[in-house]
Amino acid sequence: MNQVLAKGLPKNLLKSKQNFAIDLTLIPYYGKPLNERKEWDYRSQAKDGTNHFHAYATCYVVKKGFRYTIGLTPVVKGKKMKDVIQRLIKQWKQAGVSCKLLLVDRGFTASKRFRT
């Protein structure tokens, strides 16, 4: 999927360093996991009647009012947020985009929210 995202990037993003944002997205989950418990066992403050979530992180650039997603990765139980960020950094480097400034969602700094 990340290769598809990289192929759709405009060439002008590759010419100069960009401002990146990394965002954590939580999708409420109800019920049982399909295969493994770690699929949904990201826990956070209750929202929409549950405190279990599917979680994923995205890395993107906003340029001239358009959002370009550079990387996407799941966030699973037992993985450190540092590792998630490192995976996203690897993805934007593989896409050939350089970073000038990195803005990080506060979900990455609240380590007690992520239970191992």
PDB file of N, CA and C in Angstrom:
ATOM      1  N   MET A   1       0.808  -1.181   0.000  1.00  0.00           N
ATOM      2  CA  MET A   1       0.000   0.000   0.000  1.00  0.00           C
ATOM      3  C   MET A   1       0.864   1.262   0.000  1.00  0.00           C
ATOM      4  N   ASN A   2       1.948   1.221   0.757  1.00  0.00           N
ATOM      5  CA  ASN A   2       2.815   2.395   0.818  1.00  0.00           C
ATOM      6  C   ASN A   2       3.478   2.695  -0.517  1.00  0.00           C
ATOM      7  N   GLN A   3       3.742   1.669  -1.321  1.00  0.00           N
ATOM      8  CA  GLN A   3       4.302   1.893  -2.651  1.00  0.00           C
ATOM      9  C   GLN A   3       3.300   2.619  -3.539  1.00  0.00           C
ATOM     10  N   VAL A   4       2.034   2.278  -3.413  1.00  0.00           N
ATOM     11  CA  VAL A   4       0.986   2.952  -4.179  1.00  0.00           C
ATOM     12  C   VAL A   4       0.893   4.418  -3.766  1.00  0.00           C
ATOM     13  N   LEU A   5       0.963   4.685  -2.462  1.00  0.00           N
ATOM     14  CA  LEU A   5       0.936   6.065  -1.982  1.00  0.00           C
ATOM     15  C   LEU A   5       2.108   6.863  -2.545  1.00  0.00           C
ATOM     16  N   ALA A   6       3.277   6.273  -2.559  1.00  0.00           N
ATOM     17  CA  ALA A   6       4.478   6.968  -3.028  1.00  0.00           C
ATOM     18  C   ALA A   6       4.410   7.272  -4.525  1.00  0.00           C
ATOM     19  N   LYS A   7       3.831   6.372  -5.308  1.00  0.00           N
ATOM     20  CA  LYS A   7       3.749   6.588  -6.759  1.00  0.00           C
ATOM     21  C   LYS A   7       2.835   7.752  -7.122  1.00  0.00           C
ATOM     22  N   GLY A   8       1.872   8.067  -6.265  1.00  0.00           N
ATOM     23  CA  GLY A   8       0.937   9.141  -6.567  1.00  0.00           C
ATOM     24  C   GLY A   8       1.388  10.518  -6.108  1.00  0.00           C
ATOM     25  N   LEU A   9       2.599  10.620  -5.594  1.00  0.00           N
ATOM     26  CA  LEU A   9       3.077  11.912  -5.082  1.00  0.00           C
ATOM     27  C   LEU A   9       3.509  12.839  -6.214  1.00  0.00           C
ATOM     28  N   PRO A  10       3.192  14.128  -6.097  1.00  0.00           N
ATOM     29  CA  PRO A  10       3.667  15.078  -7.106  1.00  0.00           C
ATOM     30  C   PRO A  10       5.194  15.223  -7.041  1.00  0.00           C
ATOM     31  N   LYS A  11       5.813  15.449  -8.160  1.00  0.00           N
ATOM     32  CA  LYS A  11       7.275  15.542  -8.243  1.00  0.00           C
ATOM     33  C   LYS A  11       7.831  16.703  -7.419  1.00  0.00           C
ATOM     34  N   ASN A  12       7.039  17.782  -7.245  1.00  0.00           N
ATOM     35  CA  ASN A  12       7.564  18.934  -6.505  1.00  0.00           C
ATOM     36  C   ASN A  12       7.775  18.628  -5.018  1.00  0.00           C
ATOM     37  N   LEU A  13       7.168  17.569  -4.488  1.00  0.00           N
ATOM     38  CA  LEU A  13       7.417  17.185  -3.100  1.00  0.00           C
ATOM     39  C   LEU A  13       8.817  16.593  -2.922  1.00  0.00           C
ATOM     40  N   LEU A  14       9.376  16.089  -4.004  1.00  0.00           N
ATOM     41  CA  LEU A  14      10.683  15.451  -3.937  1.00  0.00           C
ATOM     42  C   LEU A  14      11.826  16.455  -4.079  1.00  0.00           C
ATOM     43  N   LYS A  15      11.515  17.664  -4.516  1.00  0.00           N
ATOM     44  CA  LYS A  15      12.557  18.653  -4.815  1.00  0.00           C
ATOM     45  C   LYS A  15      13.099  19.371  -3.586  1.00  0.00           C
ATOM     46  N   SER A  16      12.278  19.545  -2.571  1.00  0.00           N
ATOM     47  CA  SER A  16      12.733  20.269  -1.383  1.00  0.00           C
ATOM     48  C   SER A  16      12.236  19.576  -0.121  1.00  0.00           C
ATOM     49  N   LYS A  17      12.813  19.961   1.016  1.00  0.00           N
ATOM     50  CA  LYS A  17      12.407  19.378   2.292  1.00  0.00           C
ATOM     51  C   LYS A  17      10.996  19.834   2.644  1.00  0.00           C
ATOM     52  N   GLN A  18      10.234  18.943   3.279  1.00  0.00           N
ATOM     53  CA  GLN A  18       8.828  19.184   3.573  1.00  0.00           C
ATOM     54  C   GLN A  18       8.556  19.152   5.071  1.00  0.00           C
ATOM     55  N   ASN A  19       7.449  19.771   5.457  1.00  0.00           N
ATOM     56  CA  ASN A  19       6.945  19.664   6.822  1.00  0.00           C
ATOM     57  C   ASN A  19       6.035  18.440   6.885  1.00  0.00           C
ATOM     58  N   PHE A  20       6.330  17.533   7.815  1.00  0.00           N
ATOM     59  CA  PHE A  20       5.561  16.308   7.970  1.00  0.00           C
ATOM     60  C   PHE A  20       4.717  16.369   9.236  1.00  0.00           C
ATOM     61  N   ALA A  21       3.631  15.642   9.218  1.00  0.00           N
ATOM     62  CA  ALA A  21       2.817  15.439  10.418  1.00  0.00           C
ATOM     63  C   ALA A  21       2.567  13.939  10.547  1.00  0.00           C
ATOM     64  N   ILE A  22       2.662  13.448  11.778  1.00  0.00           N
ATOM     65  CA  ILE A  22       2.340  12.057  12.062  1.00  0.00           C
ATOM     66  C   ILE A  22       1.133  12.063  12.975  1.00  0.00           C
ATOM     67  N   ASP A  23       0.128  11.306  12.578  1.00  0.00           N
ATOM     68  CA  ASP A  23      -1.154  11.320  13.264  1.00  0.00           C
ATOM     69  C   ASP A  23      -1.534   9.906  13.685  1.00  0.00           C
ATOM     70  N   LEU A  24      -2.098   9.789  14.870  1.00  0.00           N
ATOM     71  CA  LEU A  24      -2.592   8.513  15.375  1.00  0.00           C
ATOM     72  C   LEU A  24      -4.113   8.509  15.249  1.00  0.00           C
ATOM     73  N   THR A  25      -4.656   7.493  14.603  1.00  0.00           N
ATOM     74  CA  THR A  25      -6.102   7.384  14.406  1.00  0.00           C
ATOM     75  C   THR A  25      -6.624   6.165  15.154  1.00  0.00           C
ATOM     76  N   LEU A  26      -7.670   6.383  15.938  1.00  0.00           N
ATOM     77  CA  LEU A  26      -8.295   5.296  16.697  1.00  0.00           C
ATOM     78  C   LEU A  26      -9.705   5.068  16.180  1.00  0.00           C
ATOM     79  N   ILE A  27     -10.016   3.831  15.852  1.00  0.00           N
ATOM     80  CA  ILE A  27     -11.347   3.463  15.377  1.00  0.00           C
ATOM     81  C   ILE A  27     -11.961   2.533  16.420  1.00  0.00           C
ATOM     82  N   PRO A  28     -13.086   2.937  17.026  1.00  0.00           N
ATOM     83  CA  PRO A  28     -13.706   2.106  18.066  1.00  0.00           C
ATOM     84  C   PRO A  28     -13.985   0.696  17.549  1.00  0.00           C
ATOM     85  N   TYR A  29     -13.753  -0.287  18.433  1.00  0.00           N
ATOM     86  CA  TYR A  29     -13.937  -1.674  18.048  1.00  0.00           C
ATOM     87  C   TYR A  29     -14.852  -2.357  19.049  1.00  0.00           C
ATOM     88  N   TYR A  30     -15.821  -3.078  18.544  1.00  0.00           N
ATOM     89  CA  TYR A  30     -16.769  -3.827  19.373  1.00  0.00           C
ATOM     90  C   TYR A  30     -16.700  -5.283  18.939  1.00  0.00           C
ATOM     91  N   GLY A  31     -16.691  -6.176  19.885  1.00  0.00           N
ATOM     92  CA  GLY A  31     -16.700  -7.589  19.536  1.00  0.00           C
ATOM     93  C   GLY A  31     -15.367  -8.254  19.719  1.00  0.00           C
ATOM     94  N   LYS A  32     -15.157  -9.350  18.985  1.00  0.00           N
ATOM     95  CA  LYS A  32     -13.954 -10.151  19.112  1.00  0.00           C
ATOM     96  C   LYS A  32     -13.064  -9.952  17.889  1.00  0.00           C
ATOM     97  N   PRO A  33     -11.749 -10.139  18.065  1.00  0.00           N
ATOM     98  CA  PRO A  33     -10.838 -10.001  16.927  1.00  0.00           C
ATOM     99  C   PRO A  33     -11.008 -11.140  15.933  1.00  0.00           C
ATOM    100  N   LEU A  34     -10.651 -10.884  14.677  1.00  0.00           N
ATOM    101  CA  LEU A  34     -10.750 -11.897  13.633  1.00  0.00           C
ATOM    102  C   LEU A  34      -9.738 -13.020  13.863  1.00  0.00           C
ATOM    103  N   ASN A  35      -8.479 -12.657  14.099  1.00  0.00           N
ATOM    104  CA  ASN A  35      -7.431 -13.663  14.271  1.00  0.00           C
ATOM    105  C   ASN A  35      -6.746 -13.602  15.632  1.00  0.00           C
ATOM    106  N   GLU A  36      -6.241 -12.436  15.985  1.00  0.00           N
ATOM    107  CA  GLU A  36      -5.469 -12.294  17.216  1.00  0.00           C
ATOM    108  C   GLU A  36      -5.975 -11.116  18.028  1.00  0.00           C
ATOM    109  N   ARG A  37      -5.851 -11.219  19.332  1.00  0.00           N
ATOM    110  CA  ARG A  37      -6.303 -10.145  20.215  1.00  0.00           C
ATOM    111  C   ARG A  37      -5.559  -8.833  19.959  1.00  0.00           C
ATOM    112  N   LYS A  38      -4.286  -8.917  19.586  1.00  0.00           N
ATOM    113  CA  LYS A  38      -3.506  -7.698  19.389  1.00  0.00           C
ATOM    114  C   LYS A  38      -4.029  -6.846  18.224  1.00  0.00           C
ATOM    115  N   GLU A  39      -4.906  -7.419  17.389  1.00  0.00           N
ATOM    116  CA  GLU A  39      -5.487  -6.654  16.282  1.00  0.00           C
ATOM    117  C   GLU A  39      -6.246  -5.428  16.775  1.00  0.00           C
ATOM    118  N   TRP A  40      -6.869  -5.549  17.925  1.00  0.00           N
ATOM    119  CA  TRP A  40      -7.728  -4.462  18.377  1.00  0.00           C
ATOM    120  C   TRP A  40      -7.440  -3.994  19.781  1.00  0.00           C
ATOM    121  N   ASP A  41      -6.449  -4.539  20.409  1.00  0.00           N
ATOM    122  CA  ASP A  41      -6.286  -4.235  21.817  1.00  0.00           C
ATOM    123  C   ASP A  41      -5.462  -2.983  22.094  1.00  0.00           C
ATOM    124  N   TYR A  42      -5.642  -1.982  21.281  1.00  0.00           N
ATOM    125  CA  TYR A  42      -5.120  -0.673  21.627  1.00  0.00           C
ATOM    126  C   TYR A  42      -6.159  -0.082  22.567  1.00  0.00           C
ATOM    127  N   ARG A  43      -5.725   0.342  23.717  1.00  0.00           N
ATOM    128  CA  ARG A  43      -6.662   0.860  24.710  1.00  0.00           C
ATOM    129  C   ARG A  43      -6.428   2.337  24.914  1.00  0.00           C
ATOM    130  N   SER A  44      -7.524   3.044  25.096  1.00  0.00           N
ATOM    131  CA  SER A  44      -7.459   4.480  25.323  1.00  0.00           C
ATOM    132  C   SER A  44      -8.679   4.886  26.123  1.00  0.00           C
ATOM    133  N   GLN A  45      -8.797   6.168  26.335  1.00  0.00           N
ATOM    134  CA  GLN A  45      -9.958   6.702  27.044  1.00  0.00           C
ATOM    135  C   GLN A  45     -11.227   6.290  26.293  1.00  0.00           C
ATOM    136  N   ALA A  46     -12.274   5.939  27.046  1.00  0.00           N
ATOM    137  CA  ALA A  46     -13.519   5.472  26.434  1.00  0.00           C
ATOM    138  C   ALA A  46     -14.075   6.487  25.440  1.00  0.00           C
ATOM    139  N   LYS A  47     -14.538   5.946  24.309  1.00  0.00           N
ATOM    140  CA  LYS A  47     -15.120   6.763  23.248  1.00  0.00           C
ATOM    141  C   LYS A  47     -16.152   5.889  22.538  1.00  0.00           C
ATOM    142  N   ASP A  48     -17.326   6.419  22.342  1.00  0.00           N
ATOM    143  CA  ASP A  48     -18.387   5.676  21.656  1.00  0.00           C
ATOM    144  C   ASP A  48     -18.683   4.332  22.318  1.00  0.00           C
ATOM    145  N   GLY A  49     -18.610   4.282  23.640  1.00  0.00           N
ATOM    146  CA  GLY A  49     -19.005   3.098  24.385  1.00  0.00           C
ATOM    147  C   GLY A  49     -17.967   1.995  24.492  1.00  0.00           C
ATOM    148  N   THR A  50     -16.726   2.275  24.120  1.00  0.00           N
ATOM    149  CA  THR A  50     -15.677   1.256  24.239  1.00  0.00           C
ATOM    150  C   THR A  50     -14.343   1.923  24.527  1.00  0.00           C
ATOM    151  N   ASN A  51     -13.424   1.138  25.065  1.00  0.00           N
ATOM    152  CA  ASN A  51     -12.060   1.642  25.210  1.00  0.00           C
ATOM    153  C   ASN A  51     -11.080   0.746  24.439  1.00  0.00           C
ATOM    154  N   HIS A  52     -11.609  -0.072  23.511  1.00  0.00           N
ATOM    155  CA  HIS A  52     -10.806  -0.909  22.621  1.00  0.00           C
ATOM    156  C   HIS A  52     -10.872  -0.309  21.223  1.00  0.00           C
ATOM    157  N   PHE A  53      -9.717  -0.285  20.549  1.00  0.00           N
ATOM    158  CA  PHE A  53      -9.658   0.378  19.252  1.00  0.00           C
ATOM    159  C   PHE A  53      -8.742  -0.351  18.284  1.00  0.00           C
ATOM    160  N   HIS A  54      -9.057  -0.207  16.988  1.00  0.00           N
ATOM    161  CA  HIS A  54      -8.077  -0.452  15.942  1.00  0.00           C
ATOM    162  C   HIS A  54      -7.283   0.840  15.896  1.00  0.00           C
ATOM    163  N   ALA A  55      -5.986   0.757  15.732  1.00  0.00           N
ATOM    164  CA  ALA A  55      -5.167   1.961  15.695  1.00  0.00           C
ATOM    165  C   ALA A  55      -4.209   1.897  14.513  1.00  0.00           C
ATOM    166  N   TYR A  56      -4.051   3.034  13.859  1.00  0.00           N
ATOM    167  CA  TYR A  56      -3.055   3.130  12.809  1.00  0.00           C
ATOM    168  C   TYR A  56      -2.466   4.528  12.819  1.00  0.00           C
ATOM    169  N   ALA A  57      -1.279   4.629  12.264  1.00  0.00           N
ATOM    170  CA  ALA A  57      -0.583   5.907  12.204  1.00  0.00           C
ATOM    171  C   ALA A  57      -0.342   6.269  10.746  1.00  0.00           C
ATOM    172  N   THR A  58      -0.468   7.547  10.453  1.00  0.00           N
ATOM    173  CA  THR A  58      -0.190   8.041   9.109  1.00  0.00           C
ATOM    174  C   THR A  58       0.845   9.149   9.179  1.00  0.00           C
ATOM    175  N   CYS A  59       1.587   9.264   8.115  1.00  0.00           N
ATOM    176  CA  CYS A  59       2.544  10.345   7.963  1.00  0.00           C
ATOM    177  C   CYS A  59       2.146  11.072   6.686  1.00  0.00           C
ATOM    178  N   TYR A  60       2.029  12.387   6.776  1.00  0.00           N
ATOM    179  CA  TYR A  60       1.583  13.122   5.604  1.00  0.00           C
ATOM    180  C   TYR A  60       2.212  14.502   5.523  1.00  0.00           C
ATOM    181  N   VAL A  61       2.113  15.077   4.327  1.00  0.00           N
ATOM    182  CA  VAL A  61       2.565  16.431   4.037  1.00  0.00           C
ATOM    183  C   VAL A  61       1.340  17.210   3.582  1.00  0.00           C
ATOM    184  N   VAL A  62       1.200  18.448   4.062  1.00  0.00           N
ATOM    185  CA  VAL A  62       0.161  19.332   3.554  1.00  0.00           C
ATOM    186  C   VAL A  62       0.864  20.416   2.746  1.00  0.00           C
ATOM    187  N   LYS A  63       0.522  20.509   1.488  1.00  0.00           N
ATOM    188  CA  LYS A  63       1.172  21.450   0.574  1.00  0.00           C
ATOM    189  C   LYS A  63       0.103  22.128  -0.276  1.00  0.00           C
ATOM    190  N   LYS A  64       0.038  23.444  -0.173  1.00  0.00           N
ATOM    191  CA  LYS A  64      -0.921  24.244  -0.948  1.00  0.00           C
ATOM    192  C   LYS A  64      -2.352  23.737  -0.774  1.00  0.00           C
ATOM    193  N   GLY A  65      -2.705  23.393   0.463  1.00  0.00           N
ATOM    194  CA  GLY A  65      -4.067  22.984   0.772  1.00  0.00           C
ATOM    195  C   GLY A  65      -4.398  21.526   0.481  1.00  0.00           C
ATOM    196  N   PHE A  66      -3.438  20.757  -0.025  1.00  0.00           N
ATOM    197  CA  PHE A  66      -3.654  19.350  -0.318  1.00  0.00           C
ATOM    198  C   PHE A  66      -2.871  18.489   0.663  1.00  0.00           C
ATOM    199  N   ARG A  67      -3.483  17.391   1.093  1.00  0.00           N
ATOM    200  CA  ARG A  67      -2.829  16.453   1.999  1.00  0.00           C
ATOM    201  C   ARG A  67      -2.328  15.266   1.187  1.00  0.00           C
ATOM    202  N   TYR A  68      -1.031  14.982   1.325  1.00  0.00           N
ATOM    203  CA  TYR A  68      -0.417  13.856   0.634  1.00  0.00           C
ATOM    204  C   TYR A  68       0.050  12.856   1.683  1.00  0.00           C
ATOM    205  N   THR A  69      -0.570  11.691   1.711  1.00  0.00           N
ATOM    206  CA  THR A  69      -0.187  10.662   2.665  1.00  0.00           C
ATOM    207  C   THR A  69       1.052   9.960   2.136  1.00  0.00           C
ATOM    208  N   ILE A  70       2.097   9.963   2.959  1.00  0.00           N
ATOM    209  CA  ILE A  70       3.378   9.383   2.568  1.00  0.00           C
ATOM    210  C   ILE A  70       3.515   7.967   3.114  1.00  0.00           C
ATOM    211  N   GLY A  71       2.975   7.717   4.301  1.00  0.00           N
ATOM    212  CA  GLY A  71       3.111   6.404   4.920  1.00  0.00           C
ATOM    213  C   GLY A  71       1.926   6.066   5.795  1.00  0.00           C
ATOM    214  N   LEU A  72       1.727   4.781   5.977  1.00  0.00           N
ATOM    215  CA  LEU A  72       0.623   4.260   6.780  1.00  0.00           C
ATOM    216  C   LEU A  72       1.098   2.978   7.438  1.00  0.00           C
ATOM    217  N   THR A  73       0.847   2.836   8.748  1.00  0.00           N
ATOM    218  CA  THR A  73       1.278   1.628   9.450  1.00  0.00           C
ATOM    219  C   THR A  73       0.327   1.312  10.591  1.00  0.00           C
ATOM    220  N   PRO A  74       0.079   0.025  10.843  1.00  0.00           N
ATOM    221  CA  PRO A  74      -0.783  -0.328  11.980  1.00  0.00           C
ATOM    222  C   PRO A  74      -0.054  -0.093  13.302  1.00  0.00           C
ATOM    223  N   VAL A  75      -0.825   0.131  14.342  1.00  0.00           N
ATOM    224  CA  VAL A  75      -0.295   0.246  15.705  1.00  0.00           C
ATOM    225  C   VAL A  75      -0.926  -0.893  16.489  1.00  0.00           C
ATOM    226  N   VAL A  76      -0.099  -1.822  16.929  1.00  0.00           N
ATOM    227  CA  VAL A  76      -0.619  -3.005  17.614  1.00  0.00           C
ATOM    228  C   VAL A  76      -0.094  -3.088  19.038  1.00  0.00           C
ATOM    229  N   LYS A  77      -0.798  -3.858  19.833  1.00  0.00           N
ATOM    230  CA  LYS A  77      -0.429  -4.051  21.229  1.00  0.00           C
ATOM    231  C   LYS A  77       0.997  -4.578  21.337  1.00  0.00           C
ATOM    232  N   GLY A  78       1.728  -4.015  22.288  1.00  0.00           N
ATOM    233  CA  GLY A  78       3.081  -4.481  22.551  1.00  0.00           C
ATOM    234  C   GLY A  78       4.165  -3.760  21.781  1.00  0.00           C
ATOM    235  N   LYS A  79       3.796  -2.909  20.829  1.00  0.00           N
ATOM    236  CA  LYS A  79       4.792  -2.163  20.058  1.00  0.00           C
ATOM    237  C   LYS A  79       4.939  -0.769  20.655  1.00  0.00           C
ATOM    238  N   LYS A  80       6.167  -0.306  20.720  1.00  0.00           N
ATOM    239  CA  LYS A  80       6.430   1.027  21.253  1.00  0.00           C
ATOM    240  C   LYS A  80       6.166   2.078  20.184  1.00  0.00           C
ATOM    241  N   MET A  81       5.709   3.250  20.629  1.00  0.00           N
ATOM    242  CA  MET A  81       5.430   4.335  19.698  1.00  0.00           C
ATOM    243  C   MET A  81       6.693   4.757  18.948  1.00  0.00           C
ATOM    244  N   LYS A  82       7.830   4.627  19.584  1.00  0.00           N
ATOM    245  CA  LYS A  82       9.106   4.928  18.932  1.00  0.00           C
ATOM    246  C   LYS A  82       9.270   4.059  17.686  1.00  0.00           C
ATOM    247  N   ASP A  83       8.902   2.780  17.790  1.00  0.00           N
ATOM    248  CA  ASP A  83       9.003   1.865  16.652  1.00  0.00           C
ATOM    249  C   ASP A  83       8.039   2.251  15.534  1.00  0.00           C
ATOM    250  N   VAL A  84       6.852   2.702  15.908  1.00  0.00           N
ATOM    251  CA  VAL A  84       5.860   3.137  14.919  1.00  0.00           C
ATOM    252  C   VAL A  84       6.412   4.335  14.145  1.00  0.00           C
ATOM    253  N   ILE A  85       6.968   5.294  14.855  1.00  0.00           N
ATOM    254  CA  ILE A  85       7.528   6.478  14.210  1.00  0.00           C
ATOM    255  C   ILE A  85       8.698   6.095  13.304  1.00  0.00           C
ATOM    256  N   GLN A  86       9.541   5.184  13.753  1.00  0.00           N
ATOM    257  CA  GLN A  86      10.669   4.748  12.929  1.00  0.00           C
ATOM    258  C   GLN A  86      10.208   4.077  11.641  1.00  0.00           C
ATOM    259  N   ARG A  87       9.108   3.300  11.713  1.00  0.00           N
ATOM    260  CA  ARG A  87       8.562   2.683  10.493  1.00  0.00           C
ATOM    261  C   ARG A  87       8.081   3.755   9.516  1.00  0.00           C
ATOM    262  N   LEU A  88       7.435   4.794  10.046  1.00  0.00           N
ATOM    263  CA  LEU A  88       6.956   5.870   9.173  1.00  0.00           C
ATOM    264  C   LEU A  88       8.116   6.648   8.556  1.00  0.00           C
ATOM    265  N   ILE A  89       9.161   6.888   9.330  1.00  0.00           N
ATOM    266  CA  ILE A  89      10.351   7.572   8.794  1.00  0.00           C
ATOM    267  C   ILE A  89      10.960   6.758   7.650  1.00  0.00           C
ATOM    268  N   LYS A  90      11.045   5.463   7.835  1.00  0.00           N
ATOM    269  CA  LYS A  90      11.578   4.586   6.781  1.00  0.00           C
ATOM    270  C   LYS A  90      10.723   4.691   5.516  1.00  0.00           C
ATOM    271  N   GLN A  91       9.401   4.764   5.690  1.00  0.00           N
ATOM    272  CA  GLN A  91       8.503   4.840   4.539  1.00  0.00           C
ATOM    273  C   GLN A  91       8.685   6.142   3.766  1.00  0.00           C
ATOM    274  N   TRP A  92       8.826   7.284   4.483  1.00  0.00           N
ATOM    275  CA  TRP A  92       8.967   8.523   3.722  1.00  0.00           C
ATOM    276  C   TRP A  92      10.331   8.607   3.056  1.00  0.00           C
ATOM    277  N   LYS A  93      11.343   7.998   3.662  1.00  0.00           N
ATOM    278  CA  LYS A  93      12.658   7.972   3.013  1.00  0.00           C
ATOM    279  C   LYS A  93      12.610   7.118   1.750  1.00  0.00           C
ATOM    280  N   GLN A  94      11.901   5.987   1.804  1.00  0.00           N
ATOM    281  CA  GLN A  94      11.756   5.127   0.619  1.00  0.00           C
ATOM    282  C   GLN A  94      10.982   5.834  -0.489  1.00  0.00           C
ATOM    283  N   ALA A  95      10.078   6.730  -0.097  1.00  0.00           N
ATOM    284  CA  ALA A  95       9.312   7.491  -1.097  1.00  0.00           C
ATOM    285  C   ALA A  95      10.152   8.603  -1.711  1.00  0.00           C
ATOM    286  N   GLY A  96      11.306   8.907  -1.098  1.00  0.00           N
ATOM    287  CA  GLY A  96      12.198   9.923  -1.650  1.00  0.00           C
ATOM    288  C   GLY A  96      11.887  11.339  -1.195  1.00  0.00           C
ATOM    289  N   VAL A  97      11.139  11.485  -0.114  1.00  0.00           N
ATOM    290  CA  VAL A  97      10.779  12.808   0.391  1.00  0.00           C
ATOM    291  C   VAL A  97      11.650  13.119   1.604  1.00  0.00           C
ATOM    292  N   SER A  98      12.178  14.348   1.664  1.00  0.00           N
ATOM    293  CA  SER A  98      13.031  14.773   2.774  1.00  0.00           C
ATOM    294  C   SER A  98      12.225  15.581   3.777  1.00  0.00           C
ATOM    295  N   CYS A  99      12.624  15.489   5.033  1.00  0.00           N
ATOM    296  CA  CYS A  99      11.893  16.152   6.109  1.00  0.00           C
ATOM    297  C   CYS A  99      12.612  17.413   6.593  1.00  0.00           C
ATOM    298  N   LYS A 100      11.853  18.492   6.699  1.00  0.00           N
ATOM    299  CA  LYS A 100      12.353  19.734   7.287  1.00  0.00           C
ATOM    300  C   LYS A 100      11.883  19.866   8.727  1.00  0.00           C
ATOM    301  N   LEU A 101      10.619  19.530   8.979  1.00  0.00           N
ATOM    302  CA  LEU A 101      10.007  19.660  10.301  1.00  0.00           C
ATOM    303  C   LEU A 101       9.040  18.512  10.498  1.00  0.00           C
ATOM    304  N   LEU A 102       9.033  17.923  11.700  1.00  0.00           N
ATOM    305  CA  LEU A 102       8.133  16.820  12.009  1.00  0.00           C
ATOM    306  C   LEU A 102       7.226  17.209  13.163  1.00  0.00           C
ATOM    307  N   LEU A 103       5.933  17.178  12.933  1.00  0.00           N
ATOM    308  CA  LEU A 103       4.929  17.430  13.959  1.00  0.00           C
ATOM    309  C   LEU A 103       4.301  16.097  14.327  1.00  0.00           C
ATOM    310  N   VAL A 104       4.192  15.833  15.634  1.00  0.00           N
ATOM    311  CA  VAL A 104       3.728  14.527  16.093  1.00  0.00           C
ATOM    312  C   VAL A 104       2.479  14.688  16.950  1.00  0.00           C
ATOM    313  N   ASP A 105       1.469  13.878  16.685  1.00  0.00           N
ATOM    314  CA  ASP A 105       0.231  13.839  17.451  1.00  0.00           C
ATOM    315  C   ASP A 105       0.538  13.519  18.907  1.00  0.00           C
ATOM    316  N   ARG A 106      -0.203  14.071  19.833  1.00  0.00           N
ATOM    317  CA  ARG A 106       0.082  13.832  21.247  1.00  0.00           C
ATOM    318  C   ARG A 106      -0.141  12.372  21.664  1.00  0.00           C
ATOM    319  N   GLY A 107      -0.846  11.609  20.870  1.00  0.00           N
ATOM    320  CA  GLY A 107      -1.029  10.187  21.157  1.00  0.00           C
ATOM    321  C   GLY A 107       0.284   9.421  21.187  1.00  0.00           C
ATOM    322  N   PHE A 108       1.308   9.961  20.554  1.00  0.00           N
ATOM    323  CA  PHE A 108       2.619   9.320  20.544  1.00  0.00           C
ATOM    324  C   PHE A 108       3.428   9.637  21.788  1.00  0.00           C
ATOM    325  N   THR A 109       3.057  10.662  22.497  1.00  0.00           N
ATOM    326  CA  THR A 109       3.822  11.041  23.683  1.00  0.00           C
ATOM    327  C   THR A 109       3.169  10.557  24.965  1.00  0.00           C
ATOM    328  N   ALA A 110       1.933  10.113  24.900  1.00  0.00           N
ATOM    329  CA  ALA A 110       1.215   9.640  26.083  1.00  0.00           C
ATOM    330  C   ALA A 110       1.410   8.137  26.210  1.00  0.00           C
ATOM    331  N   SER A 111       2.612   7.718  26.588  1.00  0.00           N
ATOM    332  CA  SER A 111       2.952   6.297  26.574  1.00  0.00           C
ATOM    333  C   SER A 111       2.089   5.466  27.504  1.00  0.00           C
ATOM    334  N   LYS A 112       1.538   6.056  28.580  1.00  0.00           N
ATOM    335  CA  LYS A 112       0.722   5.251  29.469  1.00  0.00           C
ATOM    336  C   LYS A 112      -0.609   4.870  28.835  1.00  0.00           C
ATOM    337  N   ARG A 113      -0.967   5.500  27.721  1.00  0.00           N
ATOM    338  CA  ARG A 113      -2.194   5.136  27.024  1.00  0.00           C
ATOM    339  C   ARG A 113      -2.040   3.814  26.283  1.00  0.00           C
ATOM    340  N   PHE A 114      -0.807   3.449  25.961  1.00  0.00           N
ATOM    341  CA  PHE A 114      -0.563   2.241  25.191  1.00  0.00           C
ATOM    342  C   PHE A 114      -0.135   1.140  26.139  1.00  0.00           C
ATOM    343  N   ARG A 115      -1.017   0.215  26.374  1.00  0.00           N
ATOM    344  CA  ARG A 115      -0.742  -0.854  27.351  1.00  0.00           C
ATOM    345  C   ARG A 115      -0.078  -2.033  26.678  1.00  0.00           C
ATOM    346  N   THR A 116       0.902  -2.563  27.351  1.00  0.00           N
ATOM    347  CA  THR A 116       1.604  -3.721  26.800  1.00  0.00           C
ATOM    348  C   THR A 116       1.199  -4.973  27.546  1.00  0.00           C
TER     349      THR A 116
END
